[in-house]
N, C-alpha and C. Protein backbone atom coordinates (compact mmCIF):
# COMPACT_ATOMS: atom_id res chain seq x y z
N UNK A 1 -15.46 -8.36 -5.33
CA UNK A 1 -14.64 -8.97 -4.62
C UNK A 1 -13.29 -8.17 -4.62
N UNK A 2 -12.47 -8.36 -3.50
CA UNK A 2 -11.01 -7.71 -3.02
C UNK A 2 -9.40 -8.82 -3.99
N UNK A 3 -9.34 -7.46 -4.51
CA UNK A 3 -7.86 -8.41 -5.14
C UNK A 3 -7.34 -8.34 -5.27
N UNK A 4 -6.18 -9.53 -4.42
CA UNK A 4 -4.62 -8.38 -3.87
C UNK A 4 -3.85 -8.55 -4.45
N UNK A 5 -2.97 -7.82 -4.89
CA UNK A 5 -1.67 -8.48 -5.77
C UNK A 5 -0.79 -8.05 -4.95
N UNK A 6 0.40 -9.63 -4.83
CA UNK A 6 1.57 -10.07 -3.97
C UNK A 6 2.94 -9.56 -4.65
N UNK A 7 3.34 -8.45 -4.92
CA UNK A 7 4.44 -7.92 -5.50
C UNK A 7 5.74 -7.78 -4.77
N UNK A 8 6.64 -8.90 -5.47
CA UNK A 8 8.03 -9.46 -5.01
C UNK A 8 8.96 -7.99 -5.34
N UNK A 9 9.72 -7.81 -4.22
CA UNK A 9 10.09 -6.52 -3.86
C UNK A 9 11.82 -7.08 -3.46
N UNK A 10 13.09 -6.08 -3.54
CA UNK A 10 14.45 -6.21 -2.22
C UNK A 10 13.75 -5.15 -1.33
N UNK A 11 14.47 -5.58 -0.56
CA UNK A 11 14.32 -4.90 0.78
C UNK A 11 14.31 -3.74 0.73
N UNK A 12 15.96 -2.77 -0.56
CA UNK A 12 16.33 -1.64 -0.08
C UNK A 12 15.13 -1.02 -1.56
N UNK A 13 14.84 -1.89 -2.10
CA UNK A 13 13.74 -1.10 -3.30
C UNK A 13 11.86 -1.15 -2.81
N UNK A 14 11.96 -1.34 -1.49
CA UNK A 14 10.76 -1.59 -1.01
C UNK A 14 9.58 -0.34 -1.18
N UNK A 15 10.09 0.92 -0.32
CA UNK A 15 9.72 2.08 -0.19
C UNK A 15 9.49 3.36 -1.75
N UNK A 16 10.61 3.16 -2.78
CA UNK A 16 10.90 2.56 -4.25
C UNK A 16 8.96 2.39 -5.01
N UNK A 17 9.54 1.33 -4.85
CA UNK A 17 8.61 0.74 -5.55
C UNK A 17 7.08 0.97 -4.76
N UNK A 18 7.15 1.22 -3.66
CA UNK A 18 5.50 1.59 -2.63
C UNK A 18 5.47 3.07 -3.94
N UNK A 19 6.38 4.21 -4.25
CA UNK A 19 6.25 5.20 -4.89
C UNK A 19 5.49 4.89 -6.39
N UNK A 20 6.24 3.54 -6.80
CA UNK A 20 5.52 3.47 -8.28
C UNK A 20 4.05 3.34 -8.17
N UNK A 21 4.44 2.43 -7.49
CA UNK A 21 2.84 2.17 -7.55
C UNK A 21 2.05 3.07 -6.90
N UNK A 22 2.01 3.93 -6.07
CA UNK A 22 1.00 5.07 -6.12
C UNK A 22 1.28 5.97 -7.43
N UNK A 23 2.26 6.43 -8.01
CA UNK A 23 2.08 7.21 -8.69
C UNK A 23 1.03 6.36 -10.54
N UNK A 24 0.95 5.29 -10.18
CA UNK A 24 0.90 4.11 -11.09
C UNK A 24 -0.66 4.54 -10.74
N UNK A 25 -1.51 4.08 -9.39
CA UNK A 25 -2.44 4.49 -8.92
C UNK A 25 -2.82 5.35 -9.33
N UNK A 26 -2.49 6.67 -8.95
CA UNK A 26 -2.71 7.97 -9.54
C UNK A 26 -3.34 8.57 -10.51
N UNK A 27 -2.03 7.85 -11.68
CA UNK A 27 -2.34 8.32 -13.09
C UNK A 27 -3.23 7.39 -13.37
N UNK A 28 -4.01 6.56 -12.95
CA UNK A 28 -4.83 5.79 -13.44
C UNK A 28 -6.42 6.38 -13.08
N UNK A 29 -6.21 7.55 -12.25
CA UNK A 29 -7.65 8.26 -11.22
C UNK A 29 -8.36 7.06 -10.45
N UNK A 30 -7.52 6.02 -9.78
CA UNK A 30 -7.74 6.28 -8.68
C UNK A 30 -6.87 6.68 -6.95
N UNK A 31 -7.85 6.11 -6.11
CA UNK A 31 -7.54 7.41 -4.28
C UNK A 31 -6.46 6.13 -3.54
N UNK A 32 -5.54 6.14 -3.71
CA UNK A 32 -4.45 4.35 -2.89
C UNK A 32 -4.33 5.16 -1.62
N UNK A 33 -4.37 4.71 -0.69
CA UNK A 33 -3.95 4.92 0.88
C UNK A 33 -3.50 3.77 0.96
N UNK A 34 -2.06 4.21 1.32
CA UNK A 34 -1.08 3.82 2.38
C UNK A 34 -0.38 3.43 3.32
N UNK A 35 -0.43 1.92 4.18
CA UNK A 35 -0.48 1.97 5.10
C UNK A 35 0.66 2.02 5.95
N UNK A 36 1.43 2.81 6.30
CA UNK A 36 2.69 2.21 6.06
C UNK A 36 3.17 2.18 7.91
N UNK A 37 4.17 1.10 8.27
CA UNK A 37 4.66 0.35 9.01
C UNK A 37 4.77 1.42 10.49
N UNK A 38 4.99 2.56 10.35
CA UNK A 38 5.48 2.64 11.71
C UNK A 38 5.55 4.74 11.24
N UNK A 39 5.34 5.85 12.40
CA UNK A 39 5.82 7.29 11.29
C UNK A 39 7.37 7.77 10.70
N UNK A 40 8.18 7.20 11.21
CA UNK A 40 8.89 6.94 10.31
C UNK A 40 9.43 7.06 9.43
N UNK A 41 9.27 5.25 8.88
CA UNK A 41 8.05 5.05 7.21
C UNK A 41 7.36 6.37 6.49
N UNK A 42 6.37 6.25 7.19
CA UNK A 42 5.31 7.56 6.20
C UNK A 42 6.00 8.39 6.10
N UNK A 43 7.08 8.90 7.51
CA UNK A 43 7.83 10.92 6.60
C UNK A 43 8.76 10.29 5.37
N UNK A 44 9.41 8.93 5.60
CA UNK A 44 10.05 8.31 4.61
C UNK A 44 9.62 8.27 3.14
N UNK A 45 8.19 8.11 3.31
CA UNK A 45 7.63 8.01 2.25
C UNK A 45 6.68 9.44 1.49
N UNK A 46 6.35 9.88 2.23
CA UNK A 46 6.13 10.96 2.36
C UNK A 46 6.88 12.35 1.31
N UNK A 47 7.79 12.12 2.16
CA UNK A 47 9.29 13.02 1.28
C UNK A 47 9.86 11.96 0.05
N UNK A 48 9.86 10.77 -0.46
CA UNK A 48 10.30 9.73 -0.82
C UNK A 48 9.63 10.91 -2.41
N UNK A 49 8.13 10.05 -2.57
CA UNK A 49 6.83 10.46 -4.04
C UNK A 49 6.97 11.89 -3.70
N UNK A 50 7.70 13.34 -3.01
CA UNK A 50 8.10 14.39 -3.84
C UNK A 50 9.28 14.33 -5.27
N UNK A 51 9.46 13.05 -4.42
CA UNK A 51 11.86 12.90 -5.38
C UNK A 51 11.80 11.61 -5.59
N UNK A 52 11.12 10.48 -6.64
CA UNK A 52 11.74 9.55 -6.11
C UNK A 52 11.65 9.59 -7.74
N UNK A 53 11.44 11.05 -8.84
CA UNK A 53 11.25 10.32 -9.59
C UNK A 53 10.99 12.36 -9.93
N UNK A 54 12.73 12.74 -11.15
CA UNK A 54 12.19 14.11 -11.09
C UNK A 54 11.39 14.72 -12.01
N UNK A 55 10.35 14.37 -12.67
CA UNK A 55 8.67 14.21 -13.54
C UNK A 55 7.97 13.64 -12.79
N UNK A 56 8.48 13.55 -11.87
CA UNK A 56 6.89 12.85 -10.87
C UNK A 56 5.73 13.49 -10.40
N UNK A 57 4.51 13.23 -10.50
CA UNK A 57 3.86 14.30 -8.84
C UNK A 57 2.82 13.96 -9.27
N UNK A 58 2.47 13.05 -7.56
CA UNK A 58 1.91 12.56 -6.22
C UNK A 58 1.46 13.49 -5.97
N UNK A 59 -0.14 13.61 -6.20
CA UNK A 59 -0.43 15.19 -4.78
C UNK A 59 -0.83 13.65 -3.86
N UNK A 60 -0.11 13.60 -2.07
CA UNK A 60 -0.38 12.94 -1.44
C UNK A 60 -0.30 13.66 -0.19
N UNK A 61 -1.22 12.91 1.04
CA UNK A 61 -1.20 13.60 2.18
C UNK A 61 -0.74 13.21 2.46
N UNK A 62 -1.03 13.02 4.70
CA UNK A 62 -1.29 12.68 5.60
C UNK A 62 -3.23 12.69 5.90
N UNK A 63 -3.87 11.72 6.67
CA UNK A 63 -4.68 12.10 7.16
C UNK A 63 -5.49 13.41 7.80
N UNK A 64 -6.39 14.35 7.99
CA UNK A 64 -6.53 15.77 8.35
C UNK A 64 -7.62 15.78 8.91
N UNK A 65 -8.19 14.55 9.22
CA UNK A 65 -9.69 14.42 10.05
C UNK A 65 -10.40 13.77 8.83
N UNK A 66 -12.05 14.14 9.57
CA UNK A 66 -12.57 13.52 8.86
C UNK A 66 -13.31 14.74 7.55
N UNK A 67 -13.29 16.22 8.78
CA UNK A 67 -13.86 17.39 8.44
C UNK A 67 -12.76 18.01 6.43
N UNK A 68 -11.79 16.96 6.50
CA UNK A 68 -10.92 18.15 6.01
C UNK A 68 -11.89 18.28 4.72
N UNK A 69 -10.73 19.96 3.84
CA UNK A 69 -11.93 20.09 2.79
C UNK A 69 -11.56 19.87 1.42
N UNK A 70 -10.14 19.10 1.22
CA UNK A 70 -9.55 18.89 -0.08
C UNK A 70 -8.83 17.50 0.35
N UNK A 71 -8.68 16.17 0.06
CA UNK A 71 -8.65 15.02 -0.07
C UNK A 71 -7.28 14.84 -1.32
N UNK A 72 -6.24 14.83 -0.77
CA UNK A 72 -5.33 14.10 -1.56
C UNK A 72 -5.78 12.90 -2.39
N UNK A 73 -4.79 12.59 -3.42
CA UNK A 73 -5.32 10.89 -4.53
C UNK A 73 -4.86 9.90 -3.37
N UNK A 74 -3.24 10.73 -2.80
CA UNK A 74 -3.06 9.41 -1.77
C UNK A 74 -2.28 9.71 -0.14
N UNK A 75 -3.62 9.03 0.32
CA UNK A 75 -3.27 9.37 1.61
C UNK A 75 -2.48 8.19 2.60
N UNK A 76 -1.32 8.06 3.16
CA UNK A 76 0.14 7.50 4.04
C UNK A 76 -0.80 8.26 5.53
N UNK A 77 -0.78 7.30 5.94
CA UNK A 77 -1.02 6.28 7.09
C UNK A 77 -0.43 5.58 8.00
N UNK A 78 -0.69 4.77 9.69
CA UNK A 78 -0.70 4.10 9.93
C UNK A 78 -1.37 3.19 10.64
N UNK A 79 -2.45 4.09 10.77
CA UNK A 79 -3.95 3.29 11.38
C UNK A 79 -3.62 2.25 10.38
N UNK A 80 -4.36 1.04 10.63
CA UNK A 80 -5.35 0.17 9.92
C UNK A 80 -6.87 0.07 9.46
N UNK A 81 -7.18 1.52 9.11
CA UNK A 81 -8.47 1.94 9.27
C UNK A 81 -8.68 2.18 8.14
N UNK A 82 -9.62 2.15 7.52
CA UNK A 82 -10.14 2.41 5.98
C UNK A 82 -9.90 3.69 5.82
N UNK A 83 -9.76 4.99 5.22
CA UNK A 83 -10.70 6.25 4.96
C UNK A 83 -11.48 6.78 4.11
N UNK A 84 -12.64 6.60 4.55
CA UNK A 84 -13.97 7.31 3.51
C UNK A 84 -13.71 7.21 1.86
N UNK A 85 -14.28 6.36 0.80
CA UNK A 85 -14.49 6.67 -0.13
C UNK A 85 -12.78 6.56 -0.94
N UNK A 86 -12.16 5.78 -0.58
CA UNK A 86 -10.61 5.22 -1.07
C UNK A 86 -10.92 3.85 -1.19
N UNK A 87 -10.81 2.94 -2.56
CA UNK A 87 -10.84 2.18 -3.30
C UNK A 87 -9.69 1.04 -3.24
N UNK A 88 -8.53 1.34 -3.63
CA UNK A 88 -7.85 0.87 -3.41
C UNK A 88 -6.17 1.42 -2.26
N UNK A 89 -5.38 0.18 -1.99
CA UNK A 89 -4.67 -0.06 -0.38
C UNK A 89 -3.33 -0.59 -1.00
N UNK A 90 -2.16 0.17 -0.44
CA UNK A 90 -0.88 -0.71 -0.36
C UNK A 90 -1.33 -0.73 1.13
N UNK A 91 -0.32 -1.50 1.04
CA UNK A 91 0.73 -2.09 2.86
C UNK A 91 1.15 -2.58 2.62
N UNK A 92 2.71 -1.49 3.71
CA UNK A 92 4.03 -1.62 3.76
C UNK A 92 3.63 -3.08 5.29
N UNK A 93 3.01 -3.31 5.80
CA UNK A 93 2.64 -4.87 6.90
C UNK A 93 1.98 -5.02 6.45
N UNK A 94 1.35 -5.49 7.40
CA UNK A 94 0.27 -7.26 7.43
C UNK A 94 -0.96 -6.55 8.08
N UNK A 95 -1.91 -6.07 7.23
CA UNK A 95 -3.24 -5.45 7.87
C UNK A 95 -4.28 -6.34 7.94
N UNK A 96 -5.00 -6.64 9.14
CA UNK A 96 -6.05 -7.58 9.09
C UNK A 96 -7.28 -7.40 7.95
N UNK A 97 -7.41 -9.14 7.83
CA UNK A 97 -8.19 -9.69 6.97
C UNK A 97 -9.14 -8.46 6.91
N UNK A 98 -10.23 -8.48 8.14
CA UNK A 98 -11.29 -7.42 8.41
C UNK A 98 -10.75 -5.81 6.84
N UNK A 99 -9.70 -5.51 7.79
CA UNK A 99 -9.16 -4.37 6.12
C UNK A 99 -9.11 -3.95 4.99
N UNK A 100 -8.46 -5.83 4.88
CA UNK A 100 -8.38 -6.17 3.20
C UNK A 100 -9.83 -6.15 2.86
N UNK A 101 -10.73 -6.88 3.56
CA UNK A 101 -11.69 -7.13 2.76
C UNK A 101 -12.94 -5.93 2.32
N UNK A 102 -12.35 -4.23 3.01
CA UNK A 102 -12.77 -3.03 2.95
C UNK A 102 -12.21 -2.44 1.84
N UNK A 103 -11.48 -3.33 0.78
CA UNK A 103 -11.01 -2.16 -0.67
C UNK A 103 -10.55 -3.47 -1.36
N UNK A 104 -11.73 -2.36 -3.25
CA UNK A 104 -11.56 -3.40 -4.28
C UNK A 104 -10.03 -3.44 -4.75
N UNK A 105 -8.79 -3.29 -4.07
CA UNK A 105 -7.92 -3.55 -4.96
C UNK A 105 -6.69 -3.02 -4.26
N UNK A 106 -5.63 -4.18 -3.55
CA UNK A 106 -4.88 -4.78 -2.13
C UNK A 106 -3.54 -4.71 -2.77
N UNK A 107 -2.38 -3.62 -2.49
CA UNK A 107 -0.83 -3.65 -3.38
C UNK A 107 -0.45 -4.81 -1.79
N UNK A 108 0.66 -5.71 -1.84
CA UNK A 108 0.97 -6.34 -0.38
C UNK A 108 2.24 -6.10 -0.60
N UNK A 109 3.94 -5.51 -0.56
CA UNK A 109 4.81 -5.49 -0.80
C UNK A 109 5.72 -7.11 -0.46
N UNK A 110 6.25 -8.20 -0.99
CA UNK A 110 6.67 -8.97 -0.84
C UNK A 110 8.37 -8.98 0.01
N UNK A 111 8.95 -8.76 0.62
CA UNK A 111 10.00 -8.64 0.50
C UNK A 111 10.71 -9.75 0.12
N UNK A 112 11.39 -10.38 -0.92
CA UNK A 112 11.73 -11.02 -1.23
C UNK A 112 13.53 -12.18 -0.51
N UNK A 113 13.81 -10.78 -0.28
CA UNK A 113 15.59 -11.07 -0.22
C UNK A 113 15.45 -11.02 1.48
N UNK A 114 14.70 -10.19 2.23
CA UNK A 114 14.16 -11.08 4.07
C UNK A 114 13.44 -11.72 3.79
N UNK A 115 14.26 -13.51 4.57
CA UNK A 115 13.80 -14.37 4.68
C UNK A 115 12.61 -14.50 5.60
N UNK A 116 12.37 -14.01 6.80
CA UNK A 116 11.61 -13.89 8.14
C UNK A 116 10.12 -12.99 7.22
N UNK A 117 10.32 -12.18 6.30
CA UNK A 117 9.24 -11.30 6.57
C UNK A 117 8.98 -12.27 4.77
N UNK A 118 9.86 -12.80 4.45
CA UNK A 118 9.10 -13.88 2.53
C UNK A 118 8.64 -14.44 3.45
N UNK A 119 9.05 -15.57 4.41
CA UNK A 119 7.79 -16.54 5.27
C UNK A 119 6.51 -15.67 5.22
N UNK A 120 6.39 -14.88 6.16
CA UNK A 120 5.21 -14.26 7.30
C UNK A 120 4.65 -13.66 5.45
N UNK A 121 4.73 -13.49 4.89
CA UNK A 121 4.12 -13.42 3.75
C UNK A 121 3.42 -14.28 2.96
N UNK A 122 4.39 -15.29 2.76
CA UNK A 122 3.62 -17.15 2.78
C UNK A 122 2.65 -17.58 3.30
N UNK A 123 2.91 -16.65 4.47
CA UNK A 123 1.46 -17.23 5.53
C UNK A 123 0.22 -16.00 5.42
N UNK A 124 0.49 -15.62 4.18
CA UNK A 124 -0.01 -13.78 4.65
C UNK A 124 -0.69 -14.51 3.69
N UNK A 125 -0.75 -15.07 2.49
CA UNK A 125 -1.47 -15.48 1.49
C UNK A 125 -2.22 -16.27 1.45
N UNK A 126 -1.90 -17.79 2.38
CA UNK A 126 -3.09 -18.98 2.77
C UNK A 126 -3.87 -18.33 3.99
N UNK A 127 -3.74 -17.20 4.18
CA UNK A 127 -4.85 -16.90 5.03
C UNK A 127 -6.14 -15.65 4.28
N UNK A 128 -5.55 -14.95 3.75
CA UNK A 128 -6.15 -14.49 2.46
C UNK A 128 -7.09 -15.06 1.63
N UNK A 129 -6.54 -16.07 1.27
CA UNK A 129 -6.84 -17.58 0.11
C UNK A 129 -7.65 -18.02 1.03
N UNK A 130 -7.65 -18.36 2.01
CA UNK A 130 -8.51 -19.13 3.23
C UNK A 130 -9.93 -18.17 3.14
N UNK A 131 -9.20 -16.93 3.35
CA UNK A 131 -10.54 -15.91 3.59
C UNK A 131 -11.13 -15.52 2.25
N UNK A 132 -11.17 -16.03 0.66
CA UNK A 132 -11.86 -16.60 -0.36
C UNK A 132 -11.27 -15.01 -1.34
N UNK A 133 -10.13 -14.69 -0.94
CA UNK A 133 -9.80 -13.08 -1.90
C UNK A 133 -9.29 -13.85 -2.53
N UNK A 134 -9.17 -13.05 -4.24
CA UNK A 134 -9.02 -13.29 -5.15
C UNK A 134 -7.51 -12.71 -4.48
N UNK A 135 -6.72 -13.65 -4.98
CA UNK A 135 -4.47 -13.06 -5.01
C UNK A 135 -4.29 -13.69 -6.42
N UNK A 136 -2.98 -12.47 -6.51
CA UNK A 136 -2.03 -12.78 -7.79
C UNK A 136 -0.82 -11.75 -7.14
N UNK A 137 0.53 -12.66 -7.86
CA UNK A 137 1.20 -12.80 -7.51
C UNK A 137 2.18 -11.95 -8.90
N UNK A 138 3.37 -11.33 -8.35
CA UNK A 138 3.86 -10.33 -9.46
C UNK A 138 5.53 -10.42 -9.68
N UNK A 139 6.11 -11.02 -9.89
CA UNK A 139 7.96 -11.11 -10.02
C UNK A 139 7.93 -9.54 -9.87
N UNK A 140 9.53 -9.13 -9.46
CA UNK A 140 9.73 -7.87 -9.89
C UNK A 140 9.69 -7.67 -10.99
């Protein structure tokens, strides 16, 4: 069963929190797919994953096609399409229910200081709950 963790963040910490989740997932030995909302955010995350902490190392990259010989444990994409062999998903937007259900562990960032985004996350919670997912909530 898919478990979805709704993690509260502030708008100015959203991408930093994404990096922290990526690092923790990597350290635990899991492969993480990050779905950014647009190519600009994907590029920012790529850069930030190298610099968000001086002592951190999170091997990551962008999808290079199905025949890539070496696939890093963290992949950043903007497509709402599951990368094979990845069990964990961090979505910076709102993925379709069908996409969420393809992963065993999913992180959704709730931007608590953005009223529109907060309301959208509340509706998303209801949508995922009604679809039968196991949901949890984590305050900042």
